[in-house]
Amino acid sequence: MLPVAPTLTCAVYARRVDTYTPAEITERLGALRAEHRALDDRITHMAANGSDDLESKRLKRHRLQLKDCISRLESLQIPDEPA
């Protein structure tokens, strides 16, 4: 059996999210947003060229996962209000 390379998924972000400092969250958000924009550009380019639909769907799914991760990290930046 071939070894599987570890992938960073939203579940990994959620498990480790409590260990992030605010600066690390901001840095990670920037990286995720840049990756999201790059995927968006690639998907747009593929749609214009009529490329592989299966690859396009895979990229769209990955882009949606990135968006979910971005939303989770953004919610961590909102300070808790005292009850």
N, C-alpha and C. Protein backbone atom coordinates (compact mmCIF):
# COMPACT_ATOMS: atom_id res chain seq x y z
N MET A 1 0.85 -1.18 0.00
CA MET A 1 0.00 0.00 0.00
C MET A 1 0.89 1.24 0.00
N LEU A 2 0.54 2.20 -0.81
CA LEU A 2 1.30 3.43 -0.90
C LEU A 2 1.01 4.34 0.28
N PRO A 3 2.02 5.02 0.80
CA PRO A 3 1.76 5.96 1.90
C PRO A 3 0.97 7.16 1.40
N VAL A 4 0.07 7.60 2.20
CA VAL A 4 -0.77 8.73 1.84
C VAL A 4 -0.18 9.99 2.45
N ALA A 5 0.02 11.00 1.62
CA ALA A 5 0.56 12.27 2.10
C ALA A 5 -0.48 12.96 2.97
N PRO A 6 -0.07 13.51 4.10
CA PRO A 6 -1.04 14.19 4.95
C PRO A 6 -1.56 15.46 4.26
N THR A 7 -2.84 15.66 4.36
CA THR A 7 -3.45 16.85 3.78
C THR A 7 -4.04 17.69 4.89
N LEU A 8 -4.00 18.97 4.72
CA LEU A 8 -4.60 19.87 5.70
C LEU A 8 -6.05 20.07 5.33
N THR A 9 -6.92 19.67 6.21
CA THR A 9 -8.34 19.83 5.98
C THR A 9 -8.91 20.72 7.06
N CYS A 10 -10.16 21.04 6.91
CA CYS A 10 -10.82 21.88 7.91
C CYS A 10 -10.83 21.20 9.26
N ALA A 11 -10.95 19.88 9.28
CA ALA A 11 -10.96 19.17 10.55
C ALA A 11 -9.64 19.39 11.29
N VAL A 12 -8.54 19.41 10.56
CA VAL A 12 -7.25 19.66 11.18
C VAL A 12 -7.21 21.08 11.74
N TYR A 13 -7.73 22.02 10.98
CA TYR A 13 -7.75 23.40 11.47
C TYR A 13 -8.59 23.50 12.73
N ALA A 14 -9.70 22.79 12.76
CA ALA A 14 -10.59 22.88 13.90
C ALA A 14 -9.95 22.28 15.15
N ARG A 15 -9.19 21.21 14.98
CA ARG A 15 -8.55 20.59 16.13
C ARG A 15 -7.45 21.46 16.70
N ARG A 16 -6.71 22.13 15.85
CA ARG A 16 -5.57 22.89 16.30
C ARG A 16 -5.90 24.36 16.52
N VAL A 17 -7.10 24.76 16.23
CA VAL A 17 -7.44 26.17 16.21
C VAL A 17 -7.27 26.83 17.57
N ASP A 18 -7.45 26.10 18.65
CA ASP A 18 -7.33 26.71 19.97
C ASP A 18 -5.87 27.01 20.33
N THR A 19 -4.93 26.48 19.56
CA THR A 19 -3.53 26.74 19.83
C THR A 19 -2.98 27.90 19.01
N TYR A 20 -3.77 28.43 18.10
CA TYR A 20 -3.33 29.56 17.26
C TYR A 20 -3.36 30.86 18.05
N THR A 21 -2.35 31.68 17.84
CA THR A 21 -2.36 33.04 18.38
C THR A 21 -3.11 33.91 17.39
N PRO A 22 -3.56 35.09 17.80
CA PRO A 22 -4.25 35.98 16.85
C PRO A 22 -3.40 36.30 15.62
N ALA A 23 -2.10 36.45 15.80
CA ALA A 23 -1.23 36.74 14.66
C ALA A 23 -1.17 35.55 13.71
N GLU A 24 -1.15 34.34 14.25
CA GLU A 24 -1.12 33.14 13.41
C GLU A 24 -2.43 32.97 12.66
N ILE A 25 -3.54 33.31 13.31
CA ILE A 25 -4.84 33.23 12.65
C ILE A 25 -4.88 34.19 11.48
N THR A 26 -4.41 35.42 11.68
CA THR A 26 -4.38 36.42 10.61
C THR A 26 -3.50 35.96 9.47
N GLU A 27 -2.35 35.41 9.80
CA GLU A 27 -1.42 34.92 8.76
C GLU A 27 -2.06 33.76 7.99
N ARG A 28 -2.68 32.83 8.70
CA ARG A 28 -3.31 31.67 8.06
C ARG A 28 -4.47 32.11 7.18
N LEU A 29 -5.24 33.09 7.66
CA LEU A 29 -6.35 33.62 6.85
C LEU A 29 -5.85 34.18 5.53
N GLY A 30 -4.75 34.92 5.58
CA GLY A 30 -4.18 35.47 4.36
C GLY A 30 -3.77 34.39 3.37
N ALA A 31 -3.16 33.34 3.89
CA ALA A 31 -2.73 32.24 3.03
C ALA A 31 -3.93 31.50 2.43
N LEU A 32 -4.96 31.26 3.24
CA LEU A 32 -6.15 30.58 2.75
C LEU A 32 -6.90 31.43 1.72
N ARG A 33 -6.98 32.73 1.97
CA ARG A 33 -7.65 33.61 1.00
C ARG A 33 -6.90 33.65 -0.33
N ALA A 34 -5.57 33.67 -0.27
CA ALA A 34 -4.77 33.66 -1.50
C ALA A 34 -4.98 32.36 -2.27
N GLU A 35 -5.02 31.24 -1.55
CA GLU A 35 -5.26 29.95 -2.20
C GLU A 35 -6.66 29.90 -2.80
N HIS A 36 -7.64 30.47 -2.09
CA HIS A 36 -9.02 30.52 -2.58
C HIS A 36 -9.10 31.33 -3.87
N ARG A 37 -8.43 32.49 -3.89
CA ARG A 37 -8.43 33.32 -5.10
C ARG A 37 -7.77 32.60 -6.27
N ALA A 38 -6.66 31.90 -5.99
CA ALA A 38 -5.96 31.17 -7.05
C ALA A 38 -6.85 30.06 -7.62
N LEU A 39 -7.55 29.36 -6.74
CA LEU A 39 -8.47 28.33 -7.22
C LEU A 39 -9.61 28.94 -8.03
N ASP A 40 -10.12 30.06 -7.57
CA ASP A 40 -11.19 30.74 -8.29
C ASP A 40 -10.74 31.12 -9.70
N ASP A 41 -9.53 31.68 -9.81
CA ASP A 41 -9.00 32.03 -11.13
C ASP A 41 -8.82 30.81 -12.01
N ARG A 42 -8.32 29.72 -11.40
CA ARG A 42 -8.10 28.49 -12.17
C ARG A 42 -9.42 27.90 -12.66
N ILE A 43 -10.44 27.93 -11.80
CA ILE A 43 -11.75 27.40 -12.18
C ILE A 43 -12.36 28.25 -13.29
N THR A 44 -12.23 29.56 -13.18
CA THR A 44 -12.73 30.46 -14.23
C THR A 44 -12.03 30.20 -15.55
N HIS A 45 -10.72 30.02 -15.49
CA HIS A 45 -9.93 29.73 -16.70
C HIS A 45 -10.35 28.40 -17.31
N MET A 46 -10.57 27.39 -16.47
CA MET A 46 -10.99 26.08 -16.97
C MET A 46 -12.37 26.15 -17.62
N ALA A 47 -13.27 26.93 -17.02
CA ALA A 47 -14.61 27.05 -17.58
C ALA A 47 -14.58 27.75 -18.93
N ALA A 48 -13.70 28.73 -19.07
CA ALA A 48 -13.60 29.46 -20.34
C ALA A 48 -13.03 28.57 -21.45
N ASN A 49 -12.17 27.63 -21.07
CA ASN A 49 -11.54 26.76 -22.06
C ASN A 49 -12.29 25.46 -22.26
N GLY A 50 -13.34 25.22 -21.49
CA GLY A 50 -14.10 23.99 -21.62
C GLY A 50 -13.30 22.77 -21.20
N SER A 51 -12.52 22.90 -20.15
CA SER A 51 -11.67 21.81 -19.67
C SER A 51 -12.48 20.73 -18.97
N ASP A 52 -11.78 19.79 -18.41
CA ASP A 52 -12.33 18.61 -17.75
C ASP A 52 -13.33 18.99 -16.66
N ASP A 53 -14.56 18.48 -16.77
CA ASP A 53 -15.59 18.77 -15.77
C ASP A 53 -15.28 18.13 -14.43
N LEU A 54 -14.72 16.94 -14.45
CA LEU A 54 -14.41 16.26 -13.20
C LEU A 54 -13.37 17.03 -12.40
N GLU A 55 -12.34 17.51 -13.08
CA GLU A 55 -11.31 18.31 -12.42
C GLU A 55 -11.90 19.62 -11.89
N SER A 56 -12.78 20.22 -12.67
CA SER A 56 -13.44 21.46 -12.25
C SER A 56 -14.27 21.24 -10.99
N LYS A 57 -15.00 20.13 -10.93
CA LYS A 57 -15.80 19.83 -9.74
C LYS A 57 -14.92 19.59 -8.53
N ARG A 58 -13.79 18.92 -8.74
CA ARG A 58 -12.87 18.67 -7.65
C ARG A 58 -12.31 19.98 -7.10
N LEU A 59 -11.96 20.88 -8.00
CA LEU A 59 -11.43 22.18 -7.59
C LEU A 59 -12.49 23.01 -6.87
N LYS A 60 -13.72 22.95 -7.35
CA LYS A 60 -14.80 23.69 -6.70
C LYS A 60 -15.05 23.16 -5.29
N ARG A 61 -14.97 21.85 -5.12
CA ARG A 61 -15.15 21.26 -3.79
C ARG A 61 -14.04 21.72 -2.85
N HIS A 62 -12.81 21.74 -3.37
CA HIS A 62 -11.69 22.19 -2.55
C HIS A 62 -11.83 23.67 -2.19
N ARG A 63 -12.29 24.47 -3.15
CA ARG A 63 -12.50 25.90 -2.90
C ARG A 63 -13.55 26.10 -1.81
N LEU A 64 -14.60 25.29 -1.83
CA LEU A 64 -15.64 25.39 -0.81
C LEU A 64 -15.09 25.00 0.57
N GLN A 65 -14.23 23.99 0.62
CA GLN A 65 -13.60 23.61 1.88
C GLN A 65 -12.74 24.75 2.42
N LEU A 66 -12.02 25.42 1.52
CA LEU A 66 -11.22 26.56 1.94
C LEU A 66 -12.10 27.66 2.50
N LYS A 67 -13.22 27.91 1.84
CA LYS A 67 -14.14 28.95 2.31
C LYS A 67 -14.66 28.62 3.70
N ASP A 68 -14.97 27.35 3.94
CA ASP A 68 -15.42 26.93 5.27
C ASP A 68 -14.33 27.17 6.32
N CYS A 69 -13.11 26.84 5.98
CA CYS A 69 -11.99 27.06 6.90
C CYS A 69 -11.79 28.54 7.18
N ILE A 70 -11.91 29.35 6.15
CA ILE A 70 -11.78 30.80 6.30
C ILE A 70 -12.86 31.31 7.25
N SER A 71 -14.08 30.83 7.07
CA SER A 71 -15.18 31.27 7.93
C SER A 71 -14.94 30.89 9.38
N ARG A 72 -14.43 29.68 9.60
CA ARG A 72 -14.16 29.24 10.97
C ARG A 72 -13.09 30.10 11.62
N LEU A 73 -12.03 30.39 10.88
CA LEU A 73 -10.96 31.20 11.44
C LEU A 73 -11.41 32.64 11.67
N GLU A 74 -12.23 33.16 10.76
CA GLU A 74 -12.76 34.52 10.94
C GLU A 74 -13.63 34.60 12.19
N SER A 75 -14.37 33.55 12.46
CA SER A 75 -15.24 33.58 13.65
C SER A 75 -14.40 33.59 14.93
N LEU A 76 -13.18 33.08 14.86
CA LEU A 76 -12.30 33.12 16.04
C LEU A 76 -11.79 34.52 16.33
N GLN A 77 -11.79 35.37 15.32
CA GLN A 77 -11.31 36.73 15.50
C GLN A 77 -12.35 37.63 16.16
N ILE A 78 -13.59 37.17 16.21
CA ILE A 78 -14.65 37.95 16.85
C ILE A 78 -14.55 37.71 18.35
N PRO A 79 -14.35 38.76 19.12
CA PRO A 79 -14.22 38.56 20.57
C PRO A 79 -15.54 38.08 21.19
N ASP A 80 -15.41 37.24 22.20
CA ASP A 80 -16.59 36.77 22.92
C ASP A 80 -17.15 37.91 23.74
N GLU A 81 -18.46 38.06 23.70
CA GLU A 81 -19.11 39.09 24.50
C GLU A 81 -19.49 38.48 25.86
N PRO A 82 -19.24 39.21 26.91
CA PRO A 82 -19.64 38.68 28.22
C PRO A 82 -21.16 38.57 28.32
N ALA A 83 -21.61 37.52 28.95
CA ALA A 83 -23.06 37.29 29.06
C ALA A 83 -23.70 38.19 30.06
